[in-house]
Amino acid sequence: MRFRVIGNLTPSNPYENLAVEEVLNNIPISAPVIRFWVNRPSVILGRFDKVEDEVNLEYCIDNDITIARRHTGGGTVYHDEGNLNISLTIPRDAVELSACYKILTTILKLSLRSLGLTSIYVDVNALLIDSKKISGMAGSLTKYSLHCHSTLLVNSDLVRLKHSLKRLKNEVTNISDELKGELKVGDVYNVIIDILRTYFKADLILDSLKTHEISMAKDLYLSKYCRDEWVFKL
């Protein structure tokens, strides 16, 4: 299996990153794309979530935490430099959306296992370790592709996470906390890449965004993702 791998572990503007996600879901692709990305501190609303129900707005404003909204459904989550986002985009006619989730879940579970952690999948598209959430997923399908993306808490600031969000369905945990040691998103990225090569026998094409993808994402960023009309559903 061949994967196009796009990786940028430098904490970046969440509006720009979310625009890229939508672009990758709306262009023709010939092979699966797996993308690794990191946001600066931000609260990311699911497409249909309400800010007033999910976000402690005053805390976020006081602590320079960006409020953003993604194009997929699912719940509201907190991102920062200690959270690794992983996206999987598969050609539309290759598998069902449920299979896209299953592939991404398998990648994450095997990566955690290789670090010595046992996780379980629950049917709200999340991975738990001892009932504590370490990863959540959401997805979307278009005429071109199936797209699912996940969080993975590596060494995130869980205090800021809990203060930023009004509702937590599960307690949360970091990989580094479970291992009782220092671990960075780059370390986990390397583990996932190794799993893709060894378990999936994947031919990995290490790549970056193409000029037209960057241009499309910039347009979406300016016309949609950074605008209050989208973020706050005004």
Protein backbone atom coordinates (compact mmCIF):
# COMPACT_ATOMS: atom_id res chain seq x y z
CA MET A 1 0.00 0.00 0.00
CA ARG A 2 1.29 3.45 -0.92
CA PHE A 3 0.75 6.45 1.35
CA ARG A 4 1.48 10.07 0.63
CA VAL A 5 2.80 11.43 3.93
CA ILE A 6 2.49 15.14 4.72
CA GLY A 7 4.06 16.14 8.00
CA ASN A 8 4.51 19.49 9.72
CA LEU A 9 5.10 19.29 13.46
CA THR A 10 5.68 23.02 13.92
CA PRO A 11 2.74 24.44 15.93
CA SER A 12 0.75 26.44 13.40
CA ASN A 13 -2.33 28.59 12.89
CA PRO A 14 -5.41 26.39 13.49
CA TYR A 15 -7.46 28.21 10.85
CA GLU A 16 -4.86 27.42 8.22
CA ASN A 17 -4.55 23.80 9.32
CA LEU A 18 -8.31 23.26 9.24
CA ALA A 19 -8.52 24.82 5.79
CA VAL A 20 -5.93 22.30 4.58
CA GLU A 21 -8.05 19.48 6.00
CA GLU A 22 -11.06 20.54 3.95
CA VAL A 23 -8.95 20.97 0.82
CA LEU A 24 -7.54 17.45 1.10
CA ASN A 25 -11.10 16.13 1.42
CA ASN A 26 -12.22 17.97 -1.72
CA ILE A 27 -9.61 17.18 -4.35
CA PRO A 28 -9.11 14.02 -6.42
CA ILE A 29 -6.50 11.65 -4.97
CA SER A 30 -5.10 8.41 -6.34
CA ALA A 31 -3.63 7.00 -3.12
CA PRO A 32 -4.22 7.39 0.62
CA VAL A 33 -2.87 10.55 2.22
CA ILE A 34 -1.80 10.64 5.86
CA ARG A 35 -1.09 14.04 7.34
CA PHE A 36 0.51 14.97 10.66
CA TRP A 37 -0.05 18.46 12.04
CA VAL A 38 0.08 20.45 15.26
CA ASN A 39 -1.95 23.50 16.24
CA ARG A 40 -1.11 26.35 18.52
CA PRO A 41 -3.36 26.45 21.64
CA SER A 42 -6.93 26.36 20.37
CA VAL A 43 -10.39 24.98 20.93
CA ILE A 44 -11.74 23.23 17.84
CA LEU A 45 -15.50 22.98 17.55
CA GLY A 46 -17.20 20.21 15.65
CA ARG A 47 -19.12 21.44 12.63
CA PHE A 48 -22.48 21.48 14.40
CA ASP A 49 -21.40 22.44 17.94
CA LYS A 50 -22.47 25.66 19.64
CA VAL A 51 -19.81 27.88 21.19
CA GLU A 52 -22.00 28.73 24.17
CA ASP A 53 -22.50 25.04 24.98
CA GLU A 54 -18.90 23.90 24.61
CA VAL A 55 -16.39 26.69 25.22
CA ASN A 56 -15.36 28.67 28.28
CA LEU A 57 -14.98 31.75 26.14
CA GLU A 58 -13.71 34.13 28.82
CA TYR A 59 -10.95 31.72 29.84
CA CYS A 60 -9.91 31.22 26.21
CA ILE A 61 -9.79 34.95 25.54
CA ASP A 62 -7.78 35.61 28.71
CA ASN A 63 -5.30 32.85 27.85
CA ASP A 64 -4.88 33.56 24.12
CA ILE A 65 -6.55 30.32 23.06
CA THR A 66 -7.96 30.50 19.54
CA ILE A 67 -11.53 29.37 18.86
CA ALA A 68 -11.93 27.55 15.54
CA ARG A 69 -14.40 25.25 13.81
CA ARG A 70 -13.62 22.26 11.58
CA HIS A 71 -15.56 20.92 8.60
CA THR A 72 -16.25 17.54 10.23
CA GLY A 73 -18.76 16.65 12.93
CA GLY A 74 -17.94 15.19 16.32
CA GLY A 75 -17.22 16.91 19.59
CA THR A 76 -15.29 19.99 20.64
CA VAL A 77 -11.63 19.40 21.50
CA TYR A 78 -8.58 21.27 22.75
CA HIS A 79 -5.35 21.40 20.74
CA ASP A 80 -1.90 22.62 21.69
CA GLU A 81 1.76 21.88 21.04
CA GLY A 82 1.50 18.60 22.95
CA ASN A 83 -1.30 17.17 20.81
CA LEU A 84 -0.53 15.39 17.55
CA ASN A 85 -3.24 15.49 14.88
CA ILE A 86 -3.32 12.65 12.37
CA SER A 87 -5.50 12.74 9.25
CA LEU A 88 -6.22 9.92 6.85
CA THR A 89 -7.75 10.60 3.43
CA ILE A 90 -8.65 7.69 1.15
CA PRO A 91 -10.03 7.69 -2.42
CA ARG A 92 -13.84 7.63 -2.34
CA ASP A 93 -14.27 4.31 -4.13
CA ALA A 94 -11.63 2.45 -2.10
CA VAL A 95 -13.51 1.67 1.15
CA GLU A 96 -16.48 2.74 3.26
CA LEU A 97 -16.10 5.58 5.78
CA SER A 98 -16.30 3.05 8.62
CA ALA A 99 -13.26 1.29 7.15
CA CYS A 100 -11.38 4.59 7.04
CA TYR A 101 -12.01 4.96 10.78
CA LYS A 102 -10.92 1.36 11.32
CA ILE A 103 -7.64 1.87 9.47
CA LEU A 104 -6.81 5.01 11.44
CA THR A 105 -7.84 3.35 14.70
CA THR A 106 -5.60 0.38 13.94
CA ILE A 107 -2.65 2.67 13.21
CA LEU A 108 -3.13 4.46 16.53
CA LYS A 109 -3.75 1.33 18.62
CA LEU A 110 -0.66 -0.38 17.22
CA SER A 111 1.43 2.74 17.80
CA LEU A 112 0.28 2.96 21.40
CA ARG A 113 0.93 -0.74 21.88
CA SER A 114 4.47 -0.34 20.59
CA LEU A 115 4.93 2.26 23.34
CA GLY A 116 3.65 -0.25 25.90
CA LEU A 117 0.10 1.11 26.21
CA THR A 118 -3.12 -0.84 25.73
CA SER A 119 -6.05 1.17 24.39
CA ILE A 120 -9.66 0.29 23.64
CA TYR A 121 -11.90 1.73 20.95
CA VAL A 122 -15.33 3.00 21.97
CA ASP A 123 -18.09 3.66 19.48
CA VAL A 124 -18.05 7.42 19.83
CA ASN A 125 -14.87 7.23 17.74
CA ALA A 126 -12.44 7.52 20.63
CA LEU A 127 -9.55 5.59 22.13
CA LEU A 128 -9.38 5.13 25.89
CA ILE A 129 -6.67 3.97 28.25
CA ASP A 130 -8.15 2.80 31.56
CA SER A 131 -11.37 4.75 30.78
CA LYS A 132 -9.40 7.95 30.09
CA LYS A 133 -9.58 9.45 26.61
CA ILE A 134 -6.33 9.77 24.71
CA SER A 135 -7.66 10.17 21.17
CA GLY A 136 -10.86 11.31 19.48
CA MET A 137 -11.85 11.06 15.83
CA ALA A 138 -14.21 12.70 13.35
CA GLY A 139 -14.78 12.25 9.65
CA SER A 140 -16.36 13.38 6.42
CA LEU A 141 -16.96 12.01 2.94
CA THR A 142 -17.12 13.88 -0.34
CA LYS A 143 -17.39 12.78 -3.97
CA TYR A 144 -13.60 12.54 -4.00
CA SER A 145 -12.57 10.96 -0.72
CA LEU A 146 -13.18 9.63 2.75
CA HIS A 147 -11.49 11.73 5.38
CA CYS A 148 -11.04 11.08 9.08
CA HIS A 149 -8.79 12.84 11.53
CA SER A 150 -7.83 12.28 15.13
CA THR A 151 -6.25 13.93 18.09
CA LEU A 152 -3.55 12.14 20.07
CA LEU A 153 -2.61 13.58 23.45
CA VAL A 154 1.14 13.25 23.86
CA ASN A 155 2.11 15.87 26.45
CA SER A 156 -0.74 18.35 26.23
CA ASP A 157 -1.54 20.86 28.98
CA LEU A 158 -4.50 19.07 30.55
CA VAL A 159 -5.20 21.88 33.01
CA ARG A 160 -5.75 24.33 30.16
CA LEU A 161 -7.73 21.69 28.31
CA LYS A 162 -10.15 21.23 31.21
CA HIS A 163 -10.54 24.97 31.77
CA SER A 164 -11.14 25.65 28.07
CA LEU A 165 -13.96 23.16 27.60
CA LYS A 166 -17.31 23.24 29.35
CA ARG A 167 -18.02 19.55 28.90
CA LEU A 168 -15.76 16.51 29.09
CA LYS A 169 -17.43 13.15 28.47
CA ASN A 170 -14.35 11.30 29.72
CA GLU A 171 -11.33 12.02 31.81
CA VAL A 172 -8.31 12.60 29.58
CA THR A 173 -4.71 11.49 29.71
CA ASN A 174 -1.41 11.99 27.90
CA ILE A 175 0.88 9.32 26.53
CA SER A 176 3.72 10.89 28.53
CA ASP A 177 1.67 10.73 31.75
CA GLU A 178 0.81 7.09 31.18
CA LEU A 179 4.45 6.26 30.54
CA LYS A 180 5.61 8.52 33.38
CA GLY A 181 8.31 9.99 31.18
CA GLU A 182 9.04 12.75 28.71
CA LEU A 183 7.72 12.24 25.21
CA LYS A 184 7.26 14.73 22.39
CA VAL A 185 4.98 14.74 19.37
CA GLY A 186 7.98 14.07 17.14
CA ASP A 187 8.71 10.86 19.04
CA VAL A 188 5.16 9.62 18.48
CA TYR A 189 5.28 10.66 14.83
CA ASN A 190 8.35 8.44 14.39
CA VAL A 191 6.54 5.52 16.05
CA ILE A 192 3.54 5.88 13.72
CA ILE A 193 5.78 6.06 10.66
CA ASP A 194 7.47 2.85 11.81
CA ILE A 195 4.09 1.14 12.25
CA LEU A 196 3.07 2.14 8.72
CA ARG A 197 6.27 0.65 7.34
CA THR A 198 6.32 -2.56 9.39
CA TYR A 199 2.69 -3.52 9.97
CA PHE A 200 1.10 -2.10 6.82
CA LYS A 201 4.19 -2.70 4.65
CA ALA A 202 3.48 0.76 3.30
CA ASP A 203 5.44 2.51 0.60
CA LEU A 204 5.69 5.97 2.14
CA ILE A 205 6.06 8.98 -0.13
CA LEU A 206 7.29 11.76 2.15
CA ASP A 207 5.82 14.91 0.70
CA SER A 208 4.68 18.45 1.40
CA LEU A 209 1.63 20.39 0.29
CA LYS A 210 1.53 21.21 -3.41
CA THR A 211 1.34 24.79 -4.65
CA HIS A 212 -2.30 24.43 -5.69
CA GLU A 213 -3.22 22.88 -2.33
CA ILE A 214 -1.61 25.78 -0.48
CA SER A 215 -3.42 28.26 -2.70
CA MET A 216 -6.79 26.58 -2.18
CA ALA A 217 -6.23 26.41 1.58
CA LYS A 218 -5.30 30.10 1.72
CA ASP A 219 -8.52 31.01 -0.06
CA LEU A 220 -10.57 28.89 2.36
CA TYR A 221 -8.71 30.32 5.34
CA LEU A 222 -9.55 33.88 4.29
CA SER A 223 -13.10 33.27 3.09
CA LYS A 224 -14.23 30.86 5.79
CA TYR A 225 -12.07 29.57 8.62
CA CYS A 226 -10.87 32.83 10.15
CA ARG A 227 -14.27 34.50 9.88
CA ASP A 228 -16.58 34.87 12.88
CA GLU A 229 -19.52 33.91 10.67
CA TRP A 230 -18.08 30.40 10.42
CA VAL A 231 -16.51 30.05 13.86
CA PHE A 232 -19.44 31.41 15.84
CA LYS A 233 -22.18 30.50 13.34
CA LEU A 234 -23.36 34.12 13.18
